[in-house]
Amino acid sequence: MTHWTLPQIKKTLCQIKEKGWVVSRRKHNTGIGQTLEEELGLKENNISMPDFGIMELKSQRSGTASMMTLFTKKPEGITNAEILKRFGYLDPEYPKHKILHQTITNGKKNARGFHCKIDEKEGKLLILRNRTVLGYYKLDFLLQKAAEKIGNGLILVFADCKKESNEEFFHYKEAWLLKDLDLKQFLALSKYDIRLGVYRSGHNAGKPHDHGSAFRLTRLSEKTFPSLFKTHKRIL
């Protein structure tokens, strides 16, 4: 494993930036990461730094707001069947079945009264309809899942991209050191979806379909991604 100091990584990234456009070493989406690793002389996709520990190296195309599903899992304390029975409404196309499609953004109460609330004393994220608690997720569990998906110690590099003659080129021009996920910020930038419906096509059309409940991160870009971490330092 390569051992770096922060000044060393900043200096090397500056040198890569000064090169300007660099041709991709690999086709398709993985080229941006592979090319950066080779430019840094890395054999593994991580960097060891004395003051920050092991830092995963990630890269992203500038101007691309990514959306990722963190996980799909029903809340504790209630089943999806109970939620559907109590709060579902008849499907207009298949009126023999109840459905329930609800999205909660930034913890705000939606049109049907669904919302989320952090209970710091109990260490839970509560899922509510108006004042009624439907179920909950443990905050430790959410933090673990977020860290698995995003990483919890990153050097994140953004690059401009262009294509010429079937070749992709990258200009690596912005980088951040990110550590210690901020759970409150993560929840503020998340959407929570309840997706209980019916199949719309195929041989299962009209039958119940439990898509589950999912947490999704939206609008992650060079402007929003750093705010997910308690430590976020721009190093390029």
Protein backbone atom coordinates (compact mmCIF):
# COMPACT_ATOMS: atom_id res chain seq x y z
CA MET A 1 0.00 0.00 0.00
CA THR A 2 1.20 3.49 -0.82
CA HIS A 3 1.75 5.86 2.13
CA TRP A 4 1.15 9.55 1.46
CA THR A 5 1.20 12.77 3.43
CA LEU A 6 -1.45 15.37 2.65
CA PRO A 7 1.12 17.73 1.02
CA GLN A 8 2.29 14.86 -1.20
CA ILE A 9 -1.17 13.99 -2.45
CA LYS A 10 -1.99 17.67 -3.04
CA LYS A 11 1.24 18.17 -4.99
CA THR A 12 0.63 15.08 -7.15
CA LEU A 13 -2.97 16.03 -7.90
CA CYS A 14 -1.81 19.53 -8.89
CA GLN A 15 0.68 17.98 -11.32
CA ILE A 16 -2.08 15.84 -12.83
CA LYS A 17 -4.31 18.90 -13.15
CA GLU A 18 -1.54 20.83 -14.92
CA LYS A 19 -1.28 18.06 -17.54
CA GLY A 20 -4.69 19.08 -18.81
CA TRP A 21 -6.63 16.51 -20.82
CA VAL A 22 -5.58 12.87 -20.23
CA VAL A 23 -6.81 10.04 -22.47
CA SER A 24 -8.81 7.32 -20.74
CA ARG A 25 -6.93 4.07 -20.13
CA ARG A 26 -10.15 2.06 -20.26
CA LYS A 27 -13.44 2.18 -22.12
CA HIS A 28 -16.80 2.88 -20.49
CA ASN A 29 -17.59 4.27 -17.03
CA THR A 30 -14.67 2.73 -15.14
CA GLY A 31 -12.13 4.62 -17.24
CA ILE A 32 -12.20 7.71 -15.03
CA GLY A 33 -11.07 5.77 -11.96
CA GLN A 34 -8.57 3.53 -13.71
CA THR A 35 -6.91 6.48 -15.43
CA LEU A 36 -6.60 8.43 -12.17
CA GLU A 37 -5.06 5.45 -10.38
CA GLU A 38 -2.45 5.07 -13.11
CA GLU A 39 -1.67 8.79 -13.07
CA LEU A 40 -1.12 8.57 -9.31
CA GLY A 41 0.94 5.39 -9.66
CA LEU A 42 -1.43 3.37 -7.47
CA LYS A 43 -1.74 -0.39 -7.63
CA GLU A 44 -4.60 -0.45 -5.11
CA ASN A 45 -7.63 1.81 -4.97
CA ASN A 46 -6.74 3.39 -1.61
CA ILE A 47 -4.22 5.71 -0.01
CA SER A 48 -2.77 5.56 3.50
CA MET A 49 -2.32 8.94 5.20
CA PRO A 50 -0.82 9.33 8.70
CA ASP A 51 -3.36 11.88 9.93
CA PHE A 52 -6.43 10.38 8.25
CA GLY A 53 -5.90 6.61 8.03
CA ILE A 54 -6.87 4.60 4.98
CA MET A 55 -8.58 6.77 2.38
CA GLU A 56 -10.49 5.26 -0.51
CA LEU A 57 -9.90 6.94 -3.86
CA LYS A 58 -13.01 7.80 -5.86
CA SER A 59 -13.56 9.88 -8.97
CA GLN A 60 -16.65 11.36 -10.58
CA ARG A 61 -17.44 13.20 -13.76
CA SER A 62 -18.14 16.89 -13.11
CA GLY A 63 -21.64 18.15 -13.76
CA THR A 64 -23.17 14.70 -13.27
CA ALA A 65 -25.56 14.55 -10.36
CA SER A 66 -25.72 10.90 -9.37
CA MET A 67 -28.57 9.18 -7.59
CA MET A 68 -27.96 6.00 -5.66
CA THR A 69 -30.19 3.58 -3.78
CA LEU A 70 -28.65 2.96 -0.38
CA PHE A 71 -30.69 -0.08 0.58
CA THR A 72 -34.18 -1.57 0.51
CA LYS A 73 -35.53 -2.81 3.85
CA LYS A 74 -38.80 -2.55 5.73
CA PRO A 75 -38.67 -0.57 8.99
CA GLU A 76 -38.58 -2.37 12.31
CA GLY A 77 -41.73 -2.48 14.40
CA ILE A 78 -44.22 -2.99 11.56
CA THR A 79 -44.61 -5.12 8.42
CA ASN A 80 -45.24 -3.77 4.95
CA ALA A 81 -48.50 -5.76 4.92
CA GLU A 82 -49.66 -3.82 7.99
CA ILE A 83 -48.69 -0.50 6.44
CA LEU A 84 -50.58 -1.38 3.25
CA LYS A 85 -53.67 -2.56 5.13
CA ARG A 86 -53.85 0.57 7.30
CA PHE A 87 -52.85 3.28 4.85
CA GLY A 88 -53.12 1.88 1.32
CA TYR A 89 -55.63 3.05 -1.28
CA LEU A 90 -57.27 1.19 -4.15
CA ASP A 91 -55.32 0.94 -7.37
CA PRO A 92 -57.27 2.74 -10.14
CA GLU A 93 -56.34 0.09 -12.72
CA TYR A 94 -56.69 -2.96 -10.47
CA PRO A 95 -59.27 -1.90 -7.83
CA LYS A 96 -59.24 -5.28 -6.06
CA HIS A 97 -55.82 -4.38 -4.65
CA LYS A 98 -54.53 -1.68 -2.38
CA ILE A 99 -51.33 0.15 -3.22
CA LEU A 100 -49.18 2.68 -1.41
CA HIS A 101 -46.53 4.83 -3.08
CA GLN A 102 -45.13 7.52 -0.81
CA THR A 103 -41.94 9.60 -0.93
CA ILE A 104 -40.57 11.54 2.01
CA THR A 105 -37.99 14.20 1.19
CA ASN A 106 -35.79 15.90 3.80
CA GLY A 107 -38.02 14.53 6.57
CA LYS A 108 -40.85 16.88 5.59
CA LYS A 109 -44.46 15.76 5.93
CA ASN A 110 -45.87 14.86 2.51
CA ALA A 111 -49.44 15.30 1.25
CA ARG A 112 -50.66 12.15 3.02
CA GLY A 113 -48.97 13.01 6.31
CA PHE A 114 -45.98 10.64 6.05
CA HIS A 115 -42.69 11.97 7.42
CA CYS A 116 -39.47 11.02 9.24
CA LYS A 117 -38.10 12.24 12.55
CA ILE A 118 -34.83 11.57 14.37
CA ASP A 119 -35.15 10.37 17.96
CA GLU A 120 -31.62 10.98 19.22
CA LYS A 121 -32.39 9.69 22.73
CA GLU A 122 -33.47 6.29 21.38
CA GLY A 123 -30.98 6.35 18.49
CA LYS A 124 -33.70 5.82 15.89
CA LEU A 125 -35.13 7.35 12.76
CA LEU A 126 -38.89 7.21 13.20
CA ILE A 127 -41.25 6.74 10.26
CA LEU A 128 -44.56 8.46 11.02
CA ARG A 129 -47.92 9.27 9.57
CA ASN A 130 -48.95 12.50 11.23
CA ARG A 131 -48.32 11.71 14.93
CA THR A 132 -48.50 7.93 14.64
CA VAL A 133 -45.17 6.08 14.66
CA LEU A 134 -45.30 3.32 12.05
CA GLY A 135 -41.83 1.90 12.50
CA TYR A 136 -38.20 2.89 12.81
CA TYR A 137 -34.62 2.35 11.66
CA LYS A 138 -31.70 2.33 14.08
CA LEU A 139 -29.35 5.23 13.40
CA ASP A 140 -26.30 2.97 13.78
CA PHE A 141 -27.72 0.73 11.06
CA LEU A 142 -28.29 3.68 8.71
CA LEU A 143 -24.76 4.96 9.28
CA GLN A 144 -23.33 1.51 8.60
CA LYS A 145 -25.28 1.18 5.34
CA ALA A 146 -24.28 4.68 4.24
CA ALA A 147 -20.60 3.95 4.93
CA GLU A 148 -20.81 0.67 2.97
CA LYS A 149 -22.27 2.45 -0.05
CA ILE A 150 -20.40 5.76 -0.02
CA GLY A 151 -17.25 5.10 2.00
CA ASN A 152 -16.21 6.79 5.22
CA GLY A 153 -12.77 8.08 4.32
CA LEU A 154 -12.41 9.36 0.77
CA ILE A 155 -10.26 11.34 -1.55
CA LEU A 156 -12.87 12.31 -4.11
CA VAL A 157 -11.65 13.77 -7.42
CA PHE A 158 -13.89 15.45 -10.00
CA ALA A 159 -12.96 15.64 -13.67
CA ASP A 160 -14.27 17.41 -16.75
CA CYS A 161 -14.83 15.01 -19.65
CA LYS A 162 -14.87 15.14 -23.43
CA LYS A 163 -14.92 12.66 -26.29
CA GLU A 164 -12.93 12.84 -29.51
CA SER A 165 -12.61 10.14 -32.19
CA ASN A 166 -14.10 7.43 -29.96
CA GLU A 167 -11.69 8.30 -27.14
CA GLU A 168 -12.68 9.82 -23.80
CA PHE A 169 -10.47 12.41 -22.13
CA PHE A 170 -10.42 13.61 -18.51
CA HIS A 171 -9.20 16.82 -16.93
CA TYR A 172 -8.89 16.17 -13.20
CA LYS A 173 -9.38 19.60 -11.65
CA GLU A 174 -11.05 19.41 -8.23
CA ALA A 175 -10.42 17.14 -5.23
CA TRP A 176 -11.73 16.79 -1.69
CA LEU A 177 -10.60 14.95 1.41
CA LEU A 178 -13.75 13.58 3.09
CA LYS A 179 -14.03 11.75 6.42
CA ASP A 180 -16.64 10.93 9.08
CA LEU A 181 -20.09 10.67 7.54
CA ASP A 182 -22.60 13.14 8.92
CA LEU A 183 -25.78 11.14 9.43
CA LYS A 184 -28.00 14.22 9.72
CA GLN A 185 -26.71 15.56 6.41
CA PHE A 186 -27.15 12.16 4.84
CA LEU A 187 -30.79 12.07 5.93
CA ALA A 188 -31.32 15.66 4.77
CA LEU A 189 -30.16 14.71 1.26
CA SER A 190 -32.10 11.43 1.14
CA LYS A 191 -35.46 10.37 -0.16
CA TYR A 192 -37.38 7.66 1.65
CA ASP A 193 -39.72 5.68 -0.59
CA ILE A 194 -42.55 3.34 0.41
CA ARG A 195 -43.31 1.29 -2.71
CA LEU A 196 -46.15 -1.20 -2.33
CA GLY A 197 -48.05 -1.78 -5.57
CA VAL A 198 -49.02 -4.25 -8.29
CA TYR A 199 -47.29 -5.59 -11.37
CA ARG A 200 -48.21 -3.52 -14.45
CA SER A 201 -47.27 -5.96 -17.20
CA GLY A 202 -46.31 -9.54 -17.98
CA HIS A 203 -47.84 -12.73 -16.65
CA ASN A 204 -47.95 -11.24 -13.12
CA ALA A 205 -49.95 -8.17 -14.19
CA GLY A 206 -52.45 -7.21 -11.50
CA LYS A 207 -50.76 -9.22 -8.75
CA PRO A 208 -49.39 -7.51 -5.62
CA HIS A 209 -45.78 -6.38 -5.83
CA ASP A 210 -43.84 -5.34 -2.74
CA HIS A 211 -40.92 -3.21 -3.93
CA GLY A 212 -40.03 -2.54 -0.28
CA SER A 213 -39.00 0.67 1.41
CA ALA A 214 -35.84 2.32 0.12
CA PHE A 215 -33.46 5.10 1.03
CA ARG A 216 -32.04 6.99 -1.95
CA LEU A 217 -29.45 9.72 -2.15
CA THR A 218 -30.27 12.38 -4.72
CA ARG A 219 -28.51 15.26 -6.44
CA LEU A 220 -25.01 14.21 -5.38
CA SER A 221 -22.59 16.49 -7.24
CA GLU A 222 -19.35 18.33 -6.58
CA LYS A 223 -21.44 20.88 -4.68
CA THR A 224 -23.38 18.49 -2.46
CA PHE A 225 -21.20 15.40 -1.99
CA PRO A 226 -18.66 17.02 0.40
CA SER A 227 -21.43 18.15 2.74
CA LEU A 228 -22.14 14.50 3.62
CA PHE A 229 -18.99 14.46 5.75
CA LYS A 230 -18.03 16.19 9.00
CA THR A 231 -14.48 16.62 7.69
CA HIS A 232 -14.47 18.04 4.15
CA LYS A 233 -11.38 19.81 2.91
CA ARG A 234 -10.86 20.89 -0.66
CA ILE A 235 -7.30 19.90 -1.60
CA LEU A 236 -7.32 20.83 -5.29
